[in-house]
Amino acid sequence: MIDSYLVINSYCQLYTERVIVISNARCINMLSSLFCVVLAFICCSTLIQADEKIGPWNLTKLKQVPEMQWVDQTGPVHSLLYSGEEYQGHATEAFAFYASPITLGKAKAGQTFPGVVLIHGGGGTAFAEWAYLWAERGYAAIAMDLSGHRPPDPVYDATTGLPVKNQASRRAGRTRLPNGGPDQSHNEKFESIGGGTDDDWPYHAAANVIRAHSLLRSFPEVNAEQTGVTGISWGGYTTCLVASLDDRFKAAVPVYGCGFLHEGESVQKPSIDRLGQRRQKWVEEYDPSSLLVHCHVPILFVNGTNDVHYVLDSYQKSYDVVPGFKQMRIEVKMSHSHPAGWAPQEIGIFIDSFCLNKPALPVPDQLKDEDGKIIVTYKSDLPLKAAALHYTTDEGLRSKRDWVSVPAEFNKNQITVASPPGNANTWFVSMTDERGAMVTTPVQFQPALINNE
């Protein structure tokens, strides 16, 4: 991209110089010469600019509205197909569920809503109940499949009218799309690296999410300037990628997913290490640690203390490299699944605060450890109802460690609690407002990185 801009700038400079020469010969005064220079500048500015690219992704093209067709619009949750990236020499299409307050019969045509993009995790697919959940929240929601498959049509409970839970969780019920993109096995996620990118699952996953976002923004009932994205596990990983690539989002919430998968105890590390000489290329192109440095979309990281897939220290490193607004919600021993991943109310509250200007989550500010006490200042739109210190003294695998939680005092935008014991190696402070919405400070490790000023 940089080289392309240099070529264009050089061409513009040459074009301007030629116009100036002509103007000096033909224009009768300095005003005429100045007019010619301005004309040259206008001509240069209208030249076709280079596409915006980060890594292998052409963002200019991905931000264009993809072709699509409705598959079914009869139920509360509709289904559709939209065009994806080329795979193995042929065009592709991706399947998605779509729901809004209008499709649920809770709003009339002509009303507009914020939008949300929902990204499933490894082994998952588009979930109708997830799109329905967000439509009930007042959003237009799109949930796409990122494995080249189509899940079964939604089934609704005869009594409640709600989508039956977990109906698409089994792979046996899904069908391969004739023009589907890559599947989501480890082979497509890792082993394909090298050569072209058209067979790399991370490339297709991020591209298809951005395409889904472009499509969602084009719907007349969607407020294009009020959109968020959230994803679970590998979907959280992908959320980290797209929040770093697509600056049109107003908020992003990766659940579990993070970067630095090539380090520490991540279960993905052996697959990355086996790449040998291709390892560094995968890290540079597809590990979120290489992309989150571009993330200026407000982002909330949601994870548990003992997650085996996205380990706590890698999670903190991912948080640290984000230059924009960021928050964290770490839950002691949070379970790892799709339902557990879309359950925390903080996901909706965070996105609401940026898309609907609703009360925000509490924001921890300065943290100090002095005179045997941990002191955390904070800001909150709503009063707190609880705060606590969480720490572990265990060693060994992080996924196996036990945690101790100690209630903390809070008053006048300040939390106070006794410092963790000297043998504590990992700790953080949580705060919960009167809605029950919880956030945490960044995770502290020994040697503790604490502001002692």
Protein backbone atom coordinates (compact mmCIF):
# COMPACT_ATOMS: atom_id res chain seq x y z
CA MET A 1 0.00 0.00 0.00
CA ILE A 2 2.81 2.44 0.90
CA ASP A 3 4.58 1.83 -2.40
CA SER A 4 1.36 2.47 -4.31
CA TYR A 5 0.87 5.79 -2.60
CA LEU A 6 4.46 6.80 -3.33
CA VAL A 7 3.91 6.09 -7.01
CA ILE A 8 0.71 8.16 -7.02
CA ASN A 9 2.38 11.02 -5.14
CA SER A 10 5.32 11.02 -7.53
CA TYR A 11 2.97 11.07 -10.50
CA CYS A 12 1.01 13.95 -8.97
CA GLN A 13 4.19 15.92 -8.33
CA LEU A 14 5.37 15.40 -11.91
CA TYR A 15 1.93 16.33 -13.26
CA THR A 16 1.89 19.50 -11.13
CA GLU A 17 5.38 20.52 -12.29
CA ARG A 18 4.36 20.15 -15.93
CA VAL A 19 1.25 22.24 -15.40
CA ILE A 20 3.34 24.92 -13.72
CA VAL A 21 5.72 24.99 -16.68
CA ILE A 22 2.82 25.35 -19.07
CA SER A 23 1.21 27.98 -16.90
CA ASN A 24 4.40 30.04 -16.77
CA ALA A 25 4.51 30.05 -20.53
CA ARG A 26 0.86 30.79 -21.16
CA CYS A 27 -0.68 32.46 -18.10
CA ILE A 28 -0.43 36.21 -18.12
CA ASN A 29 0.00 36.75 -14.40
CA MET A 30 0.68 34.97 -11.10
CA LEU A 31 -3.03 34.51 -10.38
CA SER A 32 -3.42 32.48 -13.53
CA SER A 33 -0.42 30.36 -12.57
CA LEU A 34 -1.88 29.74 -9.13
CA PHE A 35 -5.16 28.70 -10.73
CA CYS A 36 -3.31 26.15 -12.85
CA VAL A 37 -1.53 24.72 -9.82
CA VAL A 38 -4.86 24.34 -8.02
CA LEU A 39 -6.25 22.67 -11.11
CA ALA A 40 -3.33 20.26 -11.10
CA PHE A 41 -3.97 19.45 -7.45
CA ILE A 42 -7.62 18.70 -8.21
CA CYS A 43 -6.56 16.42 -11.05
CA CYS A 44 -4.14 14.57 -8.79
CA SER A 45 -6.74 14.15 -6.07
CA THR A 46 -9.12 12.51 -8.50
CA LEU A 47 -6.64 9.83 -9.51
CA ILE A 48 -7.63 6.32 -8.41
CA GLN A 49 -6.07 5.79 -5.00
CA ALA A 50 -4.56 2.53 -3.83
CA ASP A 51 -6.87 0.17 -1.95
CA GLU A 52 -6.72 0.24 1.81
CA LYS A 53 -5.00 -2.94 2.96
CA ILE A 54 -3.86 -4.44 6.24
CA GLY A 55 -2.06 -7.75 5.91
CA PRO A 56 -3.73 -9.85 3.21
CA TRP A 57 -7.13 -8.11 3.54
CA ASN A 58 -8.30 -5.59 0.94
CA LEU A 59 -10.48 -3.45 3.18
CA THR A 60 -11.67 -1.19 0.39
CA LYS A 61 -13.33 -4.13 -1.35
CA LEU A 62 -14.56 -5.75 1.86
CA LYS A 63 -16.35 -2.56 2.86
CA GLN A 64 -18.46 -2.73 -0.29
CA VAL A 65 -21.91 -4.32 -0.03
CA PRO A 66 -21.70 -7.98 -1.15
CA GLU A 67 -24.25 -9.63 -3.38
CA MET A 68 -26.89 -11.52 -1.42
CA GLN A 69 -30.13 -13.46 -1.73
CA TRP A 70 -32.78 -14.32 0.81
CA VAL A 71 -33.25 -18.05 1.44
CA ASP A 72 -36.21 -17.86 3.84
CA GLN A 73 -38.14 -14.90 5.28
CA THR A 74 -41.13 -16.71 6.74
CA GLY A 75 -40.17 -17.04 10.42
CA PRO A 76 -38.92 -14.65 13.11
CA VAL A 77 -35.33 -15.45 12.10
CA HIS A 78 -34.65 -15.10 8.39
CA SER A 79 -31.85 -16.79 6.42
CA LEU A 80 -29.73 -15.58 3.53
CA LEU A 81 -26.63 -16.21 1.44
CA TYR A 82 -24.02 -13.60 0.57
CA SER A 83 -20.89 -13.61 -1.57
CA GLY A 84 -17.53 -14.39 -0.01
CA GLU A 85 -13.90 -14.50 -1.05
CA GLU A 86 -12.56 -16.75 -3.78
CA TYR A 87 -11.54 -20.23 -2.58
CA GLN A 88 -9.65 -22.87 -4.61
CA GLY A 89 -10.29 -20.96 -7.80
CA HIS A 90 -14.04 -20.44 -7.44
CA ALA A 91 -16.39 -17.84 -5.99
CA THR A 92 -17.91 -18.62 -2.60
CA GLU A 93 -21.00 -17.81 -0.61
CA ALA A 94 -21.65 -17.74 3.13
CA PHE A 95 -24.84 -18.54 5.00
CA ALA A 96 -26.26 -16.26 7.68
CA PHE A 97 -29.27 -15.87 9.97
CA TYR A 98 -30.81 -12.42 10.32
CA ALA A 99 -33.28 -11.09 12.86
CA SER A 100 -34.51 -7.69 13.96
CA PRO A 101 -37.41 -6.29 16.01
CA ILE A 102 -39.32 -6.14 12.71
CA THR A 103 -38.84 -9.85 11.89
CA LEU A 104 -39.89 -10.67 15.46
CA GLY A 105 -43.10 -8.68 14.96
CA LYS A 106 -42.17 -6.22 17.71
CA ALA A 107 -41.62 -3.18 15.46
CA LYS A 108 -43.04 -1.77 12.27
CA ALA A 109 -41.35 -1.29 8.92
CA GLY A 110 -39.71 2.11 8.70
CA GLN A 111 -38.14 1.99 12.15
CA THR A 112 -34.36 1.80 12.47
CA PHE A 113 -32.15 -0.10 14.89
CA PRO A 114 -28.49 -0.51 15.81
CA GLY A 115 -26.81 -3.56 14.31
CA VAL A 116 -24.66 -6.35 15.67
CA VAL A 117 -22.50 -9.02 14.01
CA LEU A 118 -22.30 -12.37 15.83
CA ILE A 119 -19.31 -14.69 15.28
CA HIS A 120 -19.52 -18.34 16.33
CA GLY A 121 -16.66 -20.29 17.84
CA GLY A 122 -14.76 -23.37 16.74
CA GLY A 123 -17.07 -26.22 15.81
CA GLY A 124 -20.00 -23.81 15.76
CA THR A 125 -22.10 -22.31 13.02
CA ALA A 126 -24.71 -19.59 12.63
CA PHE A 127 -27.06 -19.80 15.64
CA ALA A 128 -30.67 -18.70 15.15
CA GLU A 129 -31.26 -18.31 18.89
CA TRP A 130 -28.29 -15.93 19.17
CA ALA A 131 -29.66 -13.65 16.44
CA TYR A 132 -33.11 -13.85 18.10
CA LEU A 133 -31.62 -12.89 21.47
CA TRP A 134 -30.11 -9.71 20.05
CA ALA A 135 -33.25 -8.85 18.09
CA GLU A 136 -35.13 -9.00 21.39
CA ARG A 137 -32.57 -6.53 22.73
CA GLY A 138 -33.57 -4.11 19.95
CA TYR A 139 -30.80 -4.85 17.45
CA ALA A 140 -30.71 -5.98 13.86
CA ALA A 141 -28.48 -9.04 14.16
CA ILE A 142 -26.60 -11.12 11.62
CA ALA A 143 -24.97 -14.44 12.57
CA MET A 144 -22.98 -16.08 9.79
CA ASP A 145 -21.45 -19.51 9.32
CA LEU A 146 -17.68 -19.46 8.85
CA SER A 147 -17.14 -23.06 7.81
CA GLY A 148 -18.75 -23.23 4.36
CA HIS A 149 -21.87 -24.90 5.78
CA ARG A 150 -25.55 -24.23 6.30
CA PRO A 151 -27.18 -25.13 9.63
CA PRO A 152 -30.67 -26.61 9.79
CA ASP A 153 -33.65 -24.27 9.49
CA PRO A 154 -34.74 -22.77 12.81
CA VAL A 155 -37.16 -24.75 14.95
CA TYR A 156 -39.37 -22.82 17.36
CA ASP A 157 -40.86 -23.96 20.65
CA ALA A 158 -44.59 -24.48 20.17
CA THR A 159 -45.40 -22.92 23.55
CA THR A 160 -43.02 -19.97 23.82
CA GLY A 161 -42.37 -19.27 20.15
CA LEU A 162 -38.67 -18.98 20.93
CA PRO A 163 -36.00 -20.77 18.89
CA VAL A 164 -35.13 -24.16 20.35
CA LYS A 165 -31.75 -23.94 22.06
CA ASN A 166 -28.67 -25.70 20.72
CA GLN A 167 -30.50 -26.94 17.63
CA ALA A 168 -27.47 -26.30 15.40
CA SER A 169 -24.81 -27.46 17.87
CA ARG A 170 -24.40 -30.88 16.25
CA ARG A 171 -22.47 -30.94 13.01
CA ALA A 172 -24.57 -33.82 11.72
CA GLY A 173 -27.45 -31.44 11.06
CA ARG A 174 -25.45 -29.11 8.83
CA THR A 175 -25.06 -29.32 5.06
CA ARG A 176 -22.06 -28.32 2.98
CA LEU A 177 -22.73 -25.35 0.70
CA PRO A 178 -22.01 -26.09 -3.00
CA ASN A 179 -19.91 -22.90 -3.13
CA GLY A 180 -18.79 -22.85 0.48
CA GLY A 181 -15.42 -21.57 1.63
CA PRO A 182 -12.88 -23.44 3.74
CA ASP A 183 -13.98 -25.60 6.66
CA GLN A 184 -12.77 -24.78 10.19
CA SER A 185 -10.42 -27.64 11.04
CA HIS A 186 -6.87 -27.12 12.29
CA ASN A 187 -5.64 -27.83 8.77
CA GLU A 188 -7.44 -24.79 7.34
CA LYS A 189 -6.56 -22.67 10.36
CA PHE A 190 -2.86 -23.45 10.47
CA GLU A 191 -1.40 -25.89 7.94
CA SER A 192 -2.56 -23.93 4.88
CA ILE A 193 -0.28 -20.98 5.67
CA GLY A 194 2.19 -20.21 2.90
CA GLY A 195 1.68 -19.37 -0.75
CA GLY A 196 -1.67 -17.71 -1.41
CA THR A 197 -4.17 -16.73 1.25
CA ASP A 198 -7.28 -18.04 -0.51
CA ASP A 199 -7.14 -21.36 1.37
CA ASP A 200 -6.48 -19.85 4.83
CA TRP A 201 -9.42 -20.02 7.21
CA PRO A 202 -8.39 -16.92 9.25
CA TYR A 203 -8.33 -14.86 6.04
CA HIS A 204 -11.79 -16.05 4.98
CA ALA A 205 -13.26 -15.77 8.47
CA ALA A 206 -12.29 -12.12 8.95
CA ALA A 207 -13.22 -11.25 5.36
CA ASN A 208 -16.67 -12.86 5.64
CA VAL A 209 -17.37 -11.08 8.92
CA ILE A 210 -16.48 -7.71 7.38
CA ARG A 211 -18.63 -8.55 4.35
CA ALA A 212 -21.52 -9.44 6.68
CA HIS A 213 -21.02 -6.09 8.41
CA SER A 214 -21.12 -4.29 5.06
CA LEU A 215 -24.32 -6.14 4.18
CA LEU A 216 -25.93 -5.41 7.55
CA ARG A 217 -25.16 -1.70 7.23
CA SER A 218 -26.93 -1.63 3.86
CA PHE A 219 -30.31 -2.77 5.24
CA PRO A 220 -32.75 0.17 5.45
CA GLU A 221 -33.80 -0.69 9.03
CA VAL A 222 -30.19 -0.60 10.28
CA ASN A 223 -28.48 2.53 11.55
CA ALA A 224 -25.14 2.05 9.81
CA GLU A 225 -23.30 4.25 12.31
CA GLN A 226 -24.41 2.20 15.33
CA THR A 227 -22.98 -1.29 14.93
CA GLY A 228 -21.12 -3.66 17.21
CA VAL A 229 -19.51 -7.08 16.97
CA THR A 230 -19.04 -9.94 19.41
CA GLY A 231 -17.70 -13.46 19.04
CA ILE A 232 -17.01 -16.53 21.15
CA SER A 233 -13.77 -18.55 21.37
CA TRP A 234 -12.50 -18.74 17.77
CA GLY A 235 -15.19 -16.15 17.19
CA GLY A 236 -13.55 -14.03 19.90
CA TYR A 237 -10.25 -14.53 18.09
CA THR A 238 -11.94 -13.37 14.88
CA THR A 239 -13.52 -10.43 16.73
CA CYS A 240 -10.00 -9.30 17.65
CA LEU A 241 -9.06 -9.44 13.95
CA VAL A 242 -12.07 -7.56 12.59
CA ALA A 243 -12.04 -4.93 15.36
CA SER A 244 -8.48 -4.21 14.24
CA LEU A 245 -9.39 -4.18 10.53
CA ASP A 246 -12.88 -2.63 10.32
CA ASP A 247 -13.02 0.82 11.89
CA ARG A 248 -16.76 1.18 11.16
CA PHE A 249 -17.70 -0.75 14.31
CA LYS A 250 -18.56 1.33 17.35
CA ALA A 251 -17.86 -1.45 19.87
CA ALA A 252 -16.37 -4.95 19.97
CA VAL A 253 -16.52 -7.73 22.57
CA PRO A 254 -14.27 -10.77 22.08
CA VAL A 255 -15.28 -13.54 24.48
CA TYR A 256 -12.38 -15.88 25.39
CA GLY A 257 -10.50 -15.15 22.13
CA CYS A 258 -7.19 -13.29 22.14
CA GLY A 259 -3.74 -13.21 20.58
CA PHE A 260 -0.28 -14.48 21.52
CA LEU A 261 -1.46 -18.00 20.72
CA HIS A 262 2.13 -18.88 19.85
CA GLU A 263 3.23 -18.34 23.46
CA GLY A 264 2.64 -19.80 26.89
CA GLU A 265 0.10 -22.54 27.62
CA SER A 266 -2.37 -22.00 24.77
CA VAL A 267 -3.64 -25.28 23.35
CA GLN A 268 -3.09 -23.74 19.90
CA LYS A 269 0.67 -23.31 20.43
CA PRO A 270 1.68 -26.87 19.36
CA SER A 271 -0.17 -26.44 16.05
CA ILE A 272 1.63 -23.16 15.44
CA ASP A 273 5.01 -24.58 16.46
CA ARG A 274 4.61 -27.46 13.99
CA LEU A 275 4.55 -24.94 11.15
CA GLY A 276 8.35 -24.67 11.36
CA GLN A 277 9.63 -22.00 8.99
CA ARG A 278 6.04 -20.93 8.30
CA ARG A 279 5.39 -20.23 11.97
CA GLN A 280 6.45 -16.59 11.88
CA LYS A 281 4.32 -15.91 8.82
CA TRP A 282 1.23 -17.23 10.60
CA VAL A 283 1.98 -15.08 13.64
CA GLU A 284 2.53 -11.96 11.54
CA GLU A 285 -0.60 -12.41 9.42
CA TYR A 286 -3.13 -14.17 11.63
CA ASP A 287 -2.25 -13.94 15.30
CA PRO A 288 -4.29 -11.08 16.84
CA SER A 289 -1.17 -9.84 18.61
CA SER A 290 0.03 -8.54 15.25
CA LEU A 291 -3.26 -6.79 14.46
CA LEU A 292 -4.60 -5.46 17.77
CA VAL A 293 -1.99 -2.70 17.57
CA HIS A 294 -4.34 -1.18 14.95
CA CYS A 295 -7.48 -1.47 17.10
CA HIS A 296 -9.17 1.84 17.86
CA VAL A 297 -12.66 0.37 18.14
CA PRO A 298 -13.70 0.41 21.83
CA ILE A 299 -13.23 -3.16 23.01
CA LEU A 300 -14.28 -5.24 26.03
CA PHE A 301 -12.29 -8.43 26.68
CA VAL A 302 -14.34 -11.15 28.41
CA ASN A 303 -12.70 -14.31 29.74
CA GLY A 304 -12.28 -16.62 32.71
CA THR A 305 -9.31 -17.14 34.98
CA ASN A 306 -8.80 -20.78 33.99
CA ASP A 307 -9.52 -20.83 30.27
CA VAL A 308 -7.35 -23.47 28.60
CA HIS A 309 -7.79 -22.14 25.05
CA TYR A 310 -7.02 -18.46 25.70
CA VAL A 311 -4.76 -18.34 28.71
CA LEU A 312 -4.86 -15.45 31.17
CA ASP A 313 -1.35 -14.09 30.61
CA SER A 314 -1.82 -14.13 26.82
CA TYR A 315 -5.15 -12.43 27.38
CA GLN A 316 -3.54 -9.63 29.35
CA LYS A 317 -0.84 -9.19 26.70
CA SER A 318 -3.54 -8.85 24.05
CA TYR A 319 -5.30 -6.21 26.13
CA ASP A 320 -2.04 -4.33 26.64
CA VAL A 321 -1.24 -3.84 22.94
CA VAL A 322 -4.59 -2.21 22.11
CA PRO A 323 -4.02 1.55 21.68
CA GLY A 324 -7.71 2.54 21.86
CA PHE A 325 -10.32 2.45 24.63
CA LYS A 326 -10.43 -0.97 26.31
CA GLN A 327 -12.00 -2.72 29.26
CA MET A 328 -11.80 -6.17 30.80
CA ARG A 329 -14.15 -8.62 32.48
CA ILE A 330 -12.41 -11.62 34.05
CA GLU A 331 -14.66 -14.11 35.84
CA VAL A 332 -13.22 -16.68 38.22
CA LYS A 333 -13.44 -20.08 36.50
CA MET A 334 -15.85 -18.94 33.79
CA SER A 335 -16.96 -21.96 31.74
CA HIS A 336 -16.17 -22.19 28.01
CA SER A 337 -19.08 -22.73 25.59
CA HIS A 338 -21.32 -20.87 23.17
CA PRO A 339 -24.21 -20.36 25.65
CA ALA A 340 -21.79 -19.37 28.43
CA GLY A 341 -20.09 -17.03 25.98
CA TRP A 342 -23.18 -15.06 25.02
CA ALA A 343 -24.71 -15.05 28.52
CA PRO A 344 -22.80 -12.20 30.30
CA GLN A 345 -25.00 -9.10 30.38
CA GLU A 346 -21.90 -6.92 30.21
CA ILE A 347 -21.59 -7.72 26.48
CA GLY A 348 -24.90 -6.03 25.71
CA ILE A 349 -24.34 -3.20 28.18
CA PHE A 350 -20.96 -2.37 26.65
CA ILE A 351 -22.31 -2.33 23.09
CA ASP A 352 -25.41 -0.41 24.21
CA SER A 353 -23.24 2.28 25.76
CA PHE A 354 -21.60 3.04 22.39
CA CYS A 355 -24.47 2.29 20.01
CA LEU A 356 -27.40 3.61 22.07
CA ASN A 357 -25.68 6.00 24.48
CA LYS A 358 -26.94 4.02 27.48
CA PRO A 359 -25.15 3.98 30.86
CA ALA A 360 -21.67 2.53 30.51
CA LEU A 361 -19.90 -0.13 32.50
CA PRO A 362 -17.80 1.02 35.45
CA VAL A 363 -14.30 2.09 34.41
CA PRO A 364 -11.39 1.32 36.75
CA ASP A 365 -8.81 4.07 36.78
CA GLN A 366 -5.66 4.30 38.82
CA LEU A 367 -4.53 1.28 40.82
CA LYS A 368 -2.02 1.49 43.67
CA ASP A 369 -0.48 -0.88 46.22
CA GLU A 370 0.63 1.08 49.26
CA ASP A 371 0.90 0.45 53.00
CA GLY A 372 -0.48 -3.07 52.67
CA LYS A 373 -3.59 -1.97 50.79
CA ILE A 374 -4.77 -2.10 47.20
CA ILE A 375 -6.50 1.12 46.19
CA VAL A 376 -8.42 1.39 42.91
CA THR A 377 -10.11 4.58 41.81
CA TYR A 378 -12.92 4.25 39.32
CA LYS A 379 -15.68 6.05 37.44
CA SER A 380 -19.20 4.70 37.16
CA ASP A 381 -22.49 5.92 35.72
CA LEU A 382 -24.28 3.86 38.39
CA PRO A 383 -23.46 3.11 42.04
CA LEU A 384 -21.48 -0.02 42.86
CA LYS A 385 -22.98 -2.82 44.90
CA ALA A 386 -19.88 -5.01 45.30
CA ALA A 387 -16.13 -5.14 44.81
CA ALA A 388 -13.54 -7.86 45.45
CA LEU A 389 -9.92 -8.87 45.17
CA HIS A 390 -9.26 -12.18 43.40
CA TYR A 391 -5.88 -13.90 43.64
CA THR A 392 -4.15 -17.24 43.28
CA THR A 393 -1.04 -18.59 44.97
CA ASP A 394 -1.08 -21.82 42.98
CA GLU A 395 1.57 -22.66 40.43
CA GLY A 396 1.58 -24.97 37.43
CA LEU A 397 -0.94 -24.83 34.61
CA ARG A 398 -3.15 -21.77 34.84
CA SER A 399 -6.18 -23.83 33.87
CA LYS A 400 -5.74 -25.88 37.08
CA ARG A 401 -5.22 -23.12 39.64
CA ASP A 402 -7.63 -22.33 42.46
CA TRP A 403 -8.58 -18.75 43.27
CA VAL A 404 -9.41 -16.87 46.45
CA SER A 405 -11.91 -13.98 46.42
CA VAL A 406 -11.91 -11.33 49.17
CA PRO A 407 -14.66 -8.67 49.48
CA ALA A 408 -13.43 -5.09 49.21
CA GLU A 409 -14.71 -1.80 50.56
CA PHE A 410 -15.85 0.92 48.18
CA ASN A 411 -16.71 4.54 48.81
CA LYS A 412 -16.52 7.82 46.88
CA ASN A 413 -15.22 6.26 43.65
CA GLN A 414 -12.48 4.36 45.46
CA ILE A 415 -12.08 0.66 46.23
CA THR A 416 -9.88 -0.45 49.12
CA VAL A 417 -8.83 -3.96 50.07
CA ALA A 418 -5.87 -5.59 51.84
CA SER A 419 -3.01 -6.45 49.48
CA PRO A 420 -2.82 -10.08 48.36
CA PRO A 421 -0.38 -12.29 50.28
CA GLY A 422 3.24 -12.18 49.25
CA ASN A 423 3.07 -15.56 47.55
CA ALA A 424 0.17 -14.53 45.30
CA ASN A 425 1.40 -14.70 41.71
CA THR A 426 -1.70 -13.45 39.83
CA TRP A 427 -4.49 -11.13 40.96
CA PHE A 428 -7.04 -8.49 39.96
CA VAL A 429 -9.86 -6.42 41.40
CA SER A 430 -13.50 -6.63 40.27
CA MET A 431 -16.29 -4.08 40.67
CA THR A 432 -20.01 -4.70 40.19
CA ASP A 433 -22.61 -1.98 39.74
CA GLU A 434 -26.24 -2.05 40.87
CA ARG A 435 -27.28 -3.78 37.61
CA GLY A 436 -25.02 -6.68 38.51
CA ALA A 437 -22.65 -5.68 35.69
CA MET A 438 -19.05 -6.56 36.53
CA VAL A 439 -15.70 -5.35 35.17
CA THR A 440 -12.16 -5.90 36.39
CA THR A 441 -8.84 -4.17 36.51
CA PRO A 442 -6.04 -5.44 34.29
CA VAL A 443 -4.58 -8.67 35.63
CA GLN A 444 -1.48 -8.26 37.77
CA PHE A 445 1.35 -10.78 37.69
CA GLN A 446 4.42 -11.23 39.87
CA PRO A 447 6.55 -9.27 39.78
CA ALA A 448 3.47 -7.00 40.01
CA LEU A 449 3.31 -4.13 37.56
CA ILE A 450 1.62 -1.65 39.88
CA ASN A 451 1.73 2.12 39.95
CA ASN A 452 3.47 2.91 43.23
CA GLU A 453 3.75 6.64 42.67
